[in-house]
Protein backbone atom coordinates (compact mmCIF):
# COMPACT_ATOMS: atom_id res chain seq x y z
CA MET A 1 -0.13 0.02 0.03
CA ILE A 2 1.97 3.24 -1.02
CA ILE A 3 0.62 6.20 0.36
CA ARG A 4 1.13 9.24 -2.42
CA GLN A 5 0.81 12.31 -0.12
CA MET A 6 -0.35 14.51 2.95
CA LEU A 7 -4.08 15.34 2.83
CA LYS A 8 -3.20 18.74 4.48
CA ASP A 9 -0.99 19.50 1.24
CA ARG A 10 -4.04 19.06 -1.56
CA VAL A 11 -7.75 19.17 -1.88
CA LEU A 12 -9.12 15.84 -1.99
CA THR A 13 -10.75 14.39 -4.89
CA ASP A 14 -14.23 13.35 -5.22
CA LYS A 15 -13.20 9.75 -4.99
CA GLU A 16 -11.30 10.55 -2.17
CA ARG A 17 -13.66 12.10 -0.27
CA LYS A 18 -15.97 9.04 -1.01
CA ASN A 19 -13.42 6.71 0.55
CA LEU A 20 -12.49 8.29 3.65
CA GLY A 21 -16.40 9.05 4.62
CA ILE A 22 -17.08 5.67 3.98
CA LEU A 23 -14.24 4.04 5.48
CA GLU A 24 -14.50 6.34 8.62
CA VAL A 25 -18.29 5.11 9.05
CA ILE A 26 -17.16 1.18 8.44
CA ARG A 27 -13.86 2.30 11.65
CA LYS A 28 -16.76 3.66 13.70
CA ASN A 29 -19.54 1.77 13.57
CA GLY A 30 -18.66 -1.40 12.16
CA PRO A 31 -20.06 -4.43 11.84
CA ILE A 32 -22.49 -2.31 9.50
CA SER A 33 -24.91 -2.79 6.57
CA ARG A 34 -24.32 -0.81 3.26
CA THR A 35 -27.71 0.38 3.98
CA ASP A 36 -26.80 2.15 7.11
CA ILE A 37 -23.21 2.98 5.49
CA SER A 38 -25.24 4.91 2.70
CA LYS A 39 -27.77 6.49 5.48
CA LEU A 40 -24.81 7.94 7.45
CA THR A 41 -22.78 8.90 4.06
CA GLU A 42 -25.94 10.37 2.44
CA LEU A 43 -24.36 8.42 -0.82
CA ASN A 44 -26.44 6.23 -2.70
CA ILE A 45 -26.63 2.74 -1.91
CA VAL A 46 -25.53 1.52 -5.31
CA THR A 47 -22.63 3.96 -4.86
CA VAL A 48 -21.65 2.48 -1.29
CA SER A 49 -21.87 -1.29 -2.65
CA ASN A 50 -19.31 -0.53 -5.26
CA TYR A 51 -16.78 1.00 -3.02
CA VAL A 52 -17.27 -1.77 -0.44
CA ASN A 53 -17.00 -4.40 -2.77
CA HIS A 54 -13.52 -2.95 -4.00
CA TYR A 55 -12.53 -2.39 -0.13
CA ILE A 56 -13.13 -5.95 0.13
CA LYS A 57 -11.02 -7.39 -3.02
CA LYS A 58 -8.19 -5.27 -1.29
CA GLY A 59 -8.99 -6.74 1.79
CA LEU A 60 -9.03 -3.81 3.46
CA VAL A 61 -12.71 -4.36 4.40
CA VAL A 62 -14.34 -7.79 5.53
CA ASP A 63 -17.76 -9.44 5.34
CA GLY A 64 -19.05 -9.92 8.88
CA GLU A 65 -22.37 -11.76 10.13
CA LEU A 66 -25.67 -11.17 8.72
CA ASP A 67 -27.82 -8.63 10.32
CA GLU A 68 -31.30 -8.88 11.55
CA SER A 69 -33.98 -8.74 8.38
CA THR A 70 -37.19 -6.85 8.51
CA GLY A 71 -38.44 -8.80 6.03
CA GLY A 72 -36.48 -10.08 2.87
CA ARG A 73 -33.05 -11.36 2.45
CA LYS A 74 -30.80 -10.68 5.47
CA PRO A 75 -28.28 -7.66 4.68
CA VAL A 76 -24.60 -8.72 5.16
CA LEU A 77 -22.66 -6.38 7.93
CA VAL A 78 -19.35 -5.07 6.95
CA GLU A 79 -16.03 -4.31 9.15
CA LEU A 80 -12.60 -3.10 8.52
CA ASN A 81 -9.97 -5.66 8.34
CA PRO A 82 -7.89 -4.05 11.04
CA LYS A 83 -4.77 -6.46 10.20
CA ALA A 84 -4.65 -4.92 6.75
CA GLY A 85 -1.87 -2.23 7.65
CA TYR A 86 -0.44 -0.52 10.73
CA ILE A 87 0.75 2.71 11.02
CA VAL A 88 3.40 4.00 13.70
CA GLY A 89 3.28 7.36 15.57
CA VAL A 90 5.41 9.31 17.63
CA GLY A 91 4.60 12.22 19.91
CA LEU A 92 6.81 14.65 22.00
CA ASN A 93 5.36 15.60 25.27
CA MET A 94 6.27 18.21 28.24
CA MET A 95 8.21 15.26 30.14
CA ASN A 96 8.54 12.17 27.62
CA MET A 97 8.13 10.93 23.92
CA VAL A 98 5.53 8.59 23.18
CA GLY A 99 5.77 5.77 20.13
CA VAL A 100 2.77 3.54 19.28
CA LEU A 101 2.11 1.43 16.55
CA VAL A 102 -1.72 0.65 15.93
CA ASP A 103 -3.75 -1.04 13.63
CA LEU A 104 -6.41 0.35 11.10
CA GLU A 105 -8.79 0.28 13.81
CA ILE A 106 -6.41 2.34 15.77
CA ASN A 107 -5.86 -0.38 18.53
CA VAL A 108 -2.57 -0.14 19.87
CA VAL A 109 -0.55 -3.18 19.35
CA THR A 110 2.73 -1.78 20.96
CA LYS A 111 3.55 1.49 22.76
CA LEU A 112 7.08 2.48 24.07
CA LYS A 113 7.46 5.49 26.38
CA LYS A 114 10.98 7.02 27.13
CA GLU A 115 12.14 10.49 28.80
CA ARG A 116 13.26 13.05 26.49
CA PRO A 117 15.62 15.74 26.47
CA PRO A 118 15.10 18.69 28.44
CA GLU A 119 16.23 21.19 25.30
CA ASN A 120 14.67 21.17 22.09
CA SER A 121 17.45 20.43 19.58
CA GLU A 122 18.20 18.05 16.69
CA LYS A 123 18.91 15.32 19.27
CA VAL A 124 15.41 15.38 20.33
CA ILE A 125 14.55 14.35 16.63
CA GLN A 126 16.76 11.59 16.64
CA GLN A 127 15.83 10.07 19.81
CA MET A 128 12.22 10.27 18.30
CA VAL A 129 13.55 8.07 15.32
CA ASP A 130 15.46 6.05 17.45
CA LEU A 131 12.06 5.60 19.46
CA ALA A 132 10.19 4.58 16.17
CA ALA A 133 12.47 2.28 14.91
CA GLU A 134 12.43 0.30 18.45
CA ILE A 135 9.02 0.25 18.19
CA MET A 136 8.96 -1.32 14.28
CA GLU A 137 11.77 -3.75 15.38
CA LYS A 138 9.58 -5.26 18.46
CA ALA A 139 6.46 -5.29 17.29
CA GLU A 140 4.81 -8.78 16.33
CA VAL A 141 3.61 -7.98 13.34
CA ASP A 142 4.14 -8.43 9.48
CA LYS A 143 6.70 -5.28 8.70
CA THR A 144 5.72 -5.29 5.10
CA LYS A 145 2.09 -3.69 6.22
CA ILE A 146 3.29 -0.76 8.21
CA VAL A 147 2.23 1.94 5.74
CA GLY A 148 3.82 4.84 7.48
CA VAL A 149 4.81 6.96 9.99
CA GLY A 150 3.17 9.95 11.86
CA VAL A 151 5.15 12.44 13.97
CA GLY A 152 4.29 15.07 16.39
CA ILE A 153 6.33 17.81 17.20
CA PRO A 154 6.23 21.31 18.71
CA GLY A 155 6.99 24.40 16.89
CA ILE A 156 6.58 26.16 13.28
CA ILE A 157 6.85 23.70 10.50
CA ASP A 158 7.22 24.23 7.22
CA GLU A 159 4.78 23.09 4.58
CA ARG A 160 6.52 20.08 3.46
CA GLY A 161 7.66 18.93 7.08
CA ARG A 162 11.48 19.85 6.36
CA THR A 163 12.65 21.95 9.28
CA ILE A 164 11.33 23.15 12.28
CA ARG A 165 11.58 26.12 14.58
CA TRP A 166 10.91 26.29 18.38
CA PRO A 167 9.49 29.39 19.32
CA GLN A 168 11.31 29.39 23.42
CA SER A 169 9.20 30.60 26.33
CA LEU A 170 9.98 33.87 28.55
CA GLY A 171 12.17 35.29 26.15
CA ASP A 172 15.03 33.05 25.45
CA LYS A 173 16.09 32.51 21.74
CA ASP A 174 14.17 30.35 19.14
CA VAL A 175 15.75 27.19 17.90
CA SER A 176 15.69 26.34 14.56
CA VAL A 177 16.26 22.97 12.99
CA CYS A 178 17.35 22.95 9.63
CA THR A 179 17.27 19.13 9.24
CA SER A 180 14.46 17.63 7.19
CA ILE A 181 12.63 15.74 9.93
CA LYS A 182 10.32 13.99 6.95
CA ASP A 183 13.51 12.71 5.08
CA THR A 184 15.24 11.60 8.11
CA PHE A 185 12.36 9.30 9.05
CA GLU A 186 11.63 7.91 5.47
CA LYS A 187 15.34 7.29 5.14
CA ARG A 188 15.91 5.37 8.61
CA LEU A 189 12.48 3.43 8.84
CA GLY A 190 11.67 2.92 4.89
CA VAL A 191 7.96 4.07 5.26
CA PRO A 192 6.56 7.11 4.36
CA ALA A 193 6.42 10.12 7.10
CA PHE A 194 3.69 12.50 7.83
CA VAL A 195 5.28 15.51 10.19
CA GLU A 196 2.63 18.14 12.18
CA ASN A 197 2.71 19.95 15.05
CA ASP A 198 1.88 18.85 18.34
CA ALA A 199 -1.19 20.84 19.02
CA ASN A 200 -2.81 20.41 16.10
CA ALA A 201 -2.05 16.56 16.03
CA ALA A 202 -3.77 16.46 19.42
CA VAL A 203 -6.92 18.59 18.19
CA LEU A 204 -7.28 16.15 15.26
CA GLY A 205 -6.90 13.10 17.30
CA GLU A 206 -9.21 14.25 19.92
CA LYS A 207 -11.66 14.51 17.09
CA TRP A 208 -11.07 11.86 14.87
CA LEU A 209 -10.94 9.43 17.58
CA GLY A 210 -12.68 10.61 20.75
CA LEU A 211 -15.15 13.18 20.73
CA ASP A 212 -18.85 13.14 18.64
CA ARG A 213 -18.93 13.55 14.91
CA ASP A 214 -20.99 16.18 15.21
CA VAL A 215 -18.25 18.54 16.95
CA ARG A 216 -17.10 21.03 14.04
CA HIS A 217 -15.34 23.83 16.08
CA MET A 218 -12.75 22.90 18.63
CA VAL A 219 -9.32 24.32 20.34
CA TYR A 220 -6.66 22.10 21.88
CA MET A 221 -5.00 23.86 24.16
CA PHE A 222 -1.51 22.43 24.43
CA SER A 223 0.05 23.17 27.92
CA GLY A 224 0.36 26.73 28.06
CA VAL A 225 2.43 27.46 24.50
CA GLY A 226 0.15 26.80 21.99
CA CYS A 227 -3.35 25.43 20.77
CA GLY A 228 -4.71 23.27 17.94
CA ILE A 229 -7.47 24.69 16.26
CA LEU A 230 -10.40 22.88 14.28
CA ILE A 231 -12.60 24.82 12.18
CA ASN A 232 -15.43 23.05 10.49
CA GLU A 233 -13.86 19.86 10.98
CA GLU A 234 -10.41 20.81 9.53
CA ILE A 235 -7.28 21.69 11.12
CA TYR A 236 -6.44 25.60 10.70
CA ARG A 237 -2.71 26.16 10.33
CA GLY A 238 -2.96 29.71 9.00
CA ALA A 239 -0.99 30.87 5.78
CA THR A 240 2.61 29.62 6.94
CA GLY A 241 1.70 27.12 9.50
CA ALA A 242 1.93 29.36 12.64
CA ALA A 243 -1.32 29.20 13.51
CA GLY A 244 -1.83 28.49 17.27
CA GLU A 245 1.21 29.87 18.60
CA LEU A 246 -0.21 31.05 21.90
CA GLY A 247 1.65 34.67 22.87
CA ILE A 248 3.90 37.43 21.59
CA THR A 249 7.58 38.22 22.16
CA SER A 250 10.05 40.58 21.06
CA PRO A 251 14.00 39.90 20.71
CA HIS A 252 14.57 43.21 22.18
CA ALA A 253 12.18 42.50 25.07
CA SER A 254 14.11 41.58 28.74
CA LYS A 255 13.32 38.34 30.37
CA ASP A 256 11.54 40.25 33.00
CA TYR A 257 9.65 42.11 30.90
CA THR A 258 8.40 38.92 28.92
CA MET A 259 7.96 37.12 32.44
CA LYS A 260 5.84 40.18 33.20
CA ILE A 261 3.05 40.06 30.22
CA ALA A 262 3.07 36.48 30.00
CA THR A 263 -0.37 35.88 32.03
CA GLN A 264 -1.24 38.38 29.22
CA LEU A 265 0.07 38.55 25.89
CA GLY A 266 3.11 37.05 26.55
CA ARG A 267 4.67 33.68 25.89
CA TRP A 268 4.50 31.03 28.95
CA GLU A 269 6.54 28.17 30.18
CA MET A 270 5.09 24.57 28.70
CA ASP A 271 3.90 24.34 32.56
CA VAL A 272 2.37 27.64 32.70
CA GLY A 273 5.00 28.42 35.37
CA MET A 274 3.45 26.41 38.05
CA VAL A 275 7.07 24.73 38.85
CA ARG A 276 8.49 28.54 39.21
CA HIS A 277 5.64 29.56 41.22
CA ALA A 278 5.90 26.65 43.55
CA LYS A 279 9.87 27.34 43.93
CA GLU A 280 9.51 30.98 45.04
CA ARG A 281 6.73 30.21 47.75
CA ILE A 282 8.96 27.25 48.93
CA GLU A 283 12.17 29.67 48.81
CA LYS A 284 10.01 31.92 50.87
CA GLY A 285 9.73 29.66 53.55
CA GLU A 286 6.61 27.69 53.27
CA ALA A 287 5.63 24.34 53.63
CA SER A 288 5.36 21.83 51.18
CA LEU A 289 5.88 18.16 50.28
CA ILE A 290 7.94 19.38 47.18
CA LYS A 291 10.61 20.37 49.09
CA ASP A 292 10.41 16.66 50.71
CA TYR A 293 10.50 14.86 47.09
CA VAL A 294 13.62 16.58 46.01
CA LYS A 295 15.12 16.20 49.38
CA GLY A 296 15.71 20.16 49.82
CA ASP A 297 17.14 20.68 46.41
CA LEU A 298 14.92 23.09 44.81
CA ASP A 299 16.94 23.00 41.52
CA ASN A 300 15.58 19.72 40.85
CA ILE A 301 11.84 20.42 41.48
CA THR A 302 10.12 19.30 37.93
CA PHE A 303 6.25 19.42 36.86
CA ARG A 304 6.55 15.34 37.95
CA GLU A 305 7.25 16.52 41.62
CA PHE A 306 4.33 19.09 41.00
CA VAL A 307 1.88 17.06 39.83
CA GLN A 308 2.72 14.33 42.48
CA ALA A 309 2.18 17.31 45.12
CA VAL A 310 -1.22 18.65 43.90
CA LYS A 311 -2.49 14.74 43.93
CA GLU A 312 -1.52 14.61 47.55
CA LYS A 313 -3.36 17.51 48.29
CA ASP A 314 -0.44 19.84 49.21
CA THR A 315 -1.33 23.24 49.78
CA VAL A 316 1.14 25.10 47.74
CA ALA A 317 0.77 22.72 44.82
CA VAL A 318 -3.12 23.00 45.15
CA GLU A 319 -3.03 27.05 45.31
CA VAL A 320 -0.47 27.30 42.58
CA ALA A 321 -2.53 24.87 39.99
CA GLU A 322 -5.73 27.31 40.67
CA ARG A 323 -3.70 30.25 40.47
CA ALA A 324 -2.51 28.88 36.94
CA GLY A 325 -5.96 27.86 35.63
CA GLN A 326 -7.02 31.47 36.52
CA ASP A 327 -4.44 32.81 34.41
CA LEU A 328 -4.76 30.45 31.66
CA GLY A 329 -8.32 30.81 32.01
CA LYS A 330 -8.31 34.35 30.70
CA LYS A 331 -6.21 33.33 27.60
CA ILE A 332 -8.61 30.69 26.88
CA ALA A 333 -11.47 33.23 27.22
CA PHE A 334 -9.88 35.38 24.72
CA ILE A 335 -10.20 32.63 22.34
CA VAL A 336 -13.53 31.34 23.15
CA ASN A 337 -14.75 35.16 22.14
CA LEU A 338 -12.54 34.97 18.94
CA LEU A 339 -13.44 31.68 17.78
CA ASN A 340 -16.82 30.54 19.67
CA PRO A 341 -15.50 26.79 19.77
CA GLU A 342 -17.83 24.43 20.96
CA VAL A 343 -15.18 22.46 23.05
CA VAL A 344 -11.84 23.33 24.26
CA VAL A 345 -9.56 20.62 25.30
CA ILE A 346 -7.18 21.16 27.93
CA GLY A 347 -3.83 18.76 27.33
CA GLY A 348 -0.22 18.75 26.83
CA GLY A 349 0.32 17.38 30.59
CA ILE A 350 -0.99 20.16 32.19
CA GLU A 351 -4.43 18.17 32.68
CA ASP A 352 -2.47 15.87 35.11
CA CYS A 353 -3.39 18.65 37.82
CA GLY A 354 -6.82 17.82 37.88
CA SER A 355 -9.95 19.74 39.27
CA ALA A 356 -7.21 21.88 40.90
CA LEU A 357 -6.33 23.31 37.65
CA LEU A 358 -9.54 22.44 35.32
CA ASP A 359 -12.10 23.88 37.79
CA SER A 360 -10.39 27.36 37.89
CA ILE A 361 -9.90 27.23 34.34
CA LYS A 362 -13.96 26.87 33.53
CA SER A 363 -14.70 29.62 36.22
CA SER A 364 -12.19 32.15 34.74
CA VAL A 365 -13.60 31.31 31.07
CA LYS A 366 -16.93 31.87 32.47
CA GLU A 367 -16.03 35.15 34.08
CA TRP A 368 -14.17 36.38 31.25
CA SER A 369 -16.00 35.25 28.10
CA VAL A 370 -18.94 36.67 26.41
CA GLU A 371 -22.17 34.87 27.80
CA GLU A 372 -23.24 33.33 24.22
CA ALA A 373 -19.92 31.80 24.08
CA ALA A 374 -19.06 30.95 27.47
CA THR A 375 -22.52 29.28 27.85
CA GLN A 376 -22.24 26.36 25.41
CA VAL A 377 -18.14 26.00 25.22
CA LYS A 378 -17.62 22.61 26.99
CA ILE A 379 -13.73 22.56 28.87
CA ILE A 380 -12.64 19.30 29.14
CA PRO A 381 -9.19 17.27 29.69
CA SER A 382 -7.47 15.50 26.63
CA ALA A 383 -9.02 11.84 26.74
CA PHE A 384 -6.07 10.32 25.24
CA GLY A 385 -3.35 11.91 28.03
CA GLU A 386 0.21 11.28 27.09
CA ASN A 387 -0.92 9.41 23.57
CA ALA A 388 -2.71 12.19 22.52
CA VAL A 389 -0.11 13.76 20.11
CA ALA A 390 1.17 10.15 19.03
CA LEU A 391 -2.22 8.91 18.33
CA GLY A 392 -3.07 12.53 16.61
CA VAL A 393 -0.64 11.89 13.71
CA VAL A 394 -1.66 8.64 13.80
CA GLY A 395 -4.90 9.65 12.70
CA ILE A 396 -3.19 11.92 9.96
CA VAL A 397 -1.50 8.55 8.39
CA ALA A 398 -5.06 6.36 8.89
CA ARG A 399 -7.17 9.44 6.75
CA GLU A 400 -4.70 9.58 4.10
CA VAL A 401 -4.77 5.62 3.91
CA PHE A 402 -8.39 5.73 3.82
CA ALA A 403 -8.36 8.27 1.10
CA GLN A 404 -6.35 6.63 -1.27
CA ALA A 405 -8.28 3.23 -0.74
């Protein structure tokens, strides 16, 4: 099975739209009759039957059991053949990188997770390639049926996925990587590679794999630094792929000034400043379990220790999380007013803080958004947690497989 090019780089043909629509219905609803596929896709039964018969010949779809009949011959049910192909997805998160290998029903066959380097650099990309290669090696599947690899990574990616620029938080210099990410993966793994921004991948994954099909407008808040935007069920990337960067900065601004405006217009840290604020309070003498976790060495505090303290109901950690929720909620309120989404998903790792953060976000959004937008928007944690980016890029590859069926 050869994948020609990415969905995002072209307009689908009529045949590709029908392929995608029919196969998505089968994936989500199978076993299902041709008649029900026709109803859900609003395509006539002859068209559906012709397409489904073609998928069966290719081994992509199989005949299932007979359905109950209301009279006459019982209709045959069809379902996706999950073993017709496999996809690898690798996603970069705040604290780690996650790799998965899934079948065409997006069942996870193999998963690996590794710590990520603290800095953004070409070393990170190489480790993601190594992770994908390890998954392909360890997976007990027919390697010839691995049809592609999806790569979800932070930053501004050019339209061909060949270079990337990581905008840094709080006045640090941006990091540019000129190595072709797409070519690096394809040369090492021998399968087509699809590169996508992490927040864009996550928003697509939440929609395609988790949320109700009727949701058309959605925002995925990827920690405190960016967001994926879904408009009319399509990712909005902007003119140059830079849409969704959450915050402004200037190379001429001091780090102190950038930090001062972080809760308003400026760039934030990945953890919305929670570790920094907790450390400041502990340095002032406030008691906290976090200090015990790092044996008194406050320089060793990471987001992992902070989340652990929140779960243990540590007063400092909970209050810092609540404050962060109020501040992030104001930025989300701005986006809610601007885009009027149906759903805002909180992800990228910060959702691990639970209700202390999420409840504060909800109350802040309600307070600062216009009533018409605030009353209908749902604010929910990511359904896929640390797997969100990896599964999101898997979804991008799967959609291309279906479109070209």
